[in-house]
Amino acid sequence: MLILVSYDVPDDRRRTKLAAVLKDFGERVQYSVFECLLEEAALDRLRARLAARVVVEEDSVRIYRLCAECRGKIEVLGRGAVTEDPEIYVI
C-alpha cells in the first residue's frame, strides 16, 4: 500500500535521524514528506523506528494510508512523480 509520511520536527539532529529512517522505507518527495510502498509488517517496523525517535511533546509525524483508488487520483504539479512499484526486484 502507498503510505505518505509527513513530519515537523524542530530539532535539527532529531529531524536528520528521522529522515534517515524514512529513507530506509521510501522516497523523499518533498523536504519533510516521504512516499513509501509498504506491506503491513514493514509499516509496523517503520512506525516502531519512528516512535523511538519522536519526542511527543515537540514533534509531529503523520502517517497516511492511501487506498488504490486514492493513489490513482494523486496529482503532481511541477517536478516529481508519484512513487511507483519497481518493475524489477533484486533479491
Protein backbone atom coordinates (compact mmCIF):
# COMPACT_ATOMS: atom_id res chain seq x y z
CA MET A 1 0.00 0.00 0.00
CA LEU A 2 1.11 3.59 -0.52
CA ILE A 3 1.95 5.34 2.73
CA LEU A 4 2.53 9.08 2.94
CA VAL A 5 4.58 10.27 5.92
CA SER A 6 4.99 13.93 6.79
CA TYR A 7 6.83 15.38 9.74
CA ASP A 8 7.54 18.63 11.55
CA VAL A 9 10.50 18.30 13.92
CA PRO A 10 12.08 21.48 15.35
CA ASP A 11 15.36 19.86 16.42
CA ASP A 12 17.88 19.57 13.55
CA ARG A 13 19.58 16.44 14.87
CA ARG A 14 16.33 14.57 15.51
CA ARG A 15 14.94 15.69 12.15
CA THR A 16 18.03 14.33 10.36
CA LYS A 17 17.74 10.98 12.14
CA LEU A 18 14.03 10.78 11.35
CA ALA A 19 14.70 11.45 7.67
CA ALA A 20 17.37 8.71 7.65
CA VAL A 21 14.83 6.22 8.98
CA LEU A 22 12.31 7.24 6.35
CA LYS A 23 14.90 6.87 3.57
CA ASP A 24 15.16 3.20 4.55
CA PHE A 25 11.46 2.76 3.75
CA GLY A 26 10.57 5.15 0.94
CA GLU A 27 11.30 8.08 -1.31
CA ARG A 28 11.53 11.71 -0.27
CA VAL A 29 9.07 13.69 -2.40
CA GLN A 30 9.37 16.99 -0.52
CA TYR A 31 11.63 18.23 2.25
CA SER A 32 9.55 16.68 5.05
CA VAL A 33 7.32 14.30 3.08
CA PHE A 34 8.04 10.70 2.08
CA GLU A 35 6.08 8.23 -0.04
CA CYS A 36 6.55 4.59 0.96
CA LEU A 37 5.26 1.42 -0.68
CA LEU A 38 4.91 -0.94 2.26
CA GLU A 39 3.27 -4.15 3.38
CA GLU A 40 1.67 -4.15 6.83
CA ALA A 41 4.72 -5.72 8.54
CA ALA A 42 7.06 -3.09 7.08
CA LEU A 43 4.69 -0.34 8.17
CA ASP A 44 4.81 -1.74 11.71
CA ARG A 45 8.64 -1.67 11.62
CA LEU A 46 8.61 1.90 10.30
CA ARG A 47 6.16 3.00 12.98
CA ALA A 48 8.33 1.45 15.73
CA ARG A 49 11.52 3.08 14.45
CA LEU A 50 9.82 6.46 14.18
CA ALA A 51 8.29 6.18 17.65
CA ALA A 52 11.74 5.54 19.12
CA ARG A 53 12.99 8.89 17.77
CA VAL A 54 9.99 11.17 18.20
CA VAL A 55 9.63 13.48 21.18
CA VAL A 56 5.85 13.60 21.54
CA GLU A 57 5.85 16.97 23.29
CA GLU A 58 7.72 18.68 20.42
CA ASP A 59 7.47 16.67 17.20
CA SER A 60 4.67 15.87 14.79
CA VAL A 61 4.72 12.84 12.48
CA ARG A 62 1.69 11.95 10.37
CA ILE A 63 1.21 8.65 8.58
CA TYR A 64 -1.44 8.49 5.85
CA ARG A 65 -2.56 5.27 4.18
CA LEU A 66 -3.67 5.85 0.60
CA CYS A 67 -6.06 3.36 -0.93
CA ALA A 68 -5.60 2.20 -4.51
CA GLU A 69 -8.43 4.46 -5.70
CA CYS A 70 -6.96 7.49 -3.90
CA ARG A 71 -3.49 6.71 -5.21
CA GLY A 72 -4.83 6.77 -8.75
CA LYS A 73 -6.14 10.31 -8.19
CA ILE A 74 -2.90 11.88 -6.97
CA GLU A 75 -1.95 14.95 -8.96
CA VAL A 76 1.58 16.32 -9.19
CA LEU A 77 2.00 19.90 -10.34
CA GLY A 78 5.58 20.76 -11.19
CA ARG A 79 8.54 18.45 -10.67
CA GLY A 80 8.34 14.89 -9.43
CA ALA A 81 6.15 11.86 -9.82
CA VAL A 82 4.13 9.57 -7.59
CA THR A 83 6.23 6.71 -6.20
CA GLU A 84 5.65 3.55 -8.21
CA ASP A 85 6.36 -0.14 -7.64
CA PRO A 86 9.66 -1.02 -9.30
CA GLU A 87 9.43 -3.15 -12.41
CA ILE A 88 12.40 -5.21 -11.27
CA TYR A 89 13.02 -6.62 -7.80
CA VAL A 90 16.53 -7.58 -6.71
CA ILE A 91 16.67 -10.34 -4.14
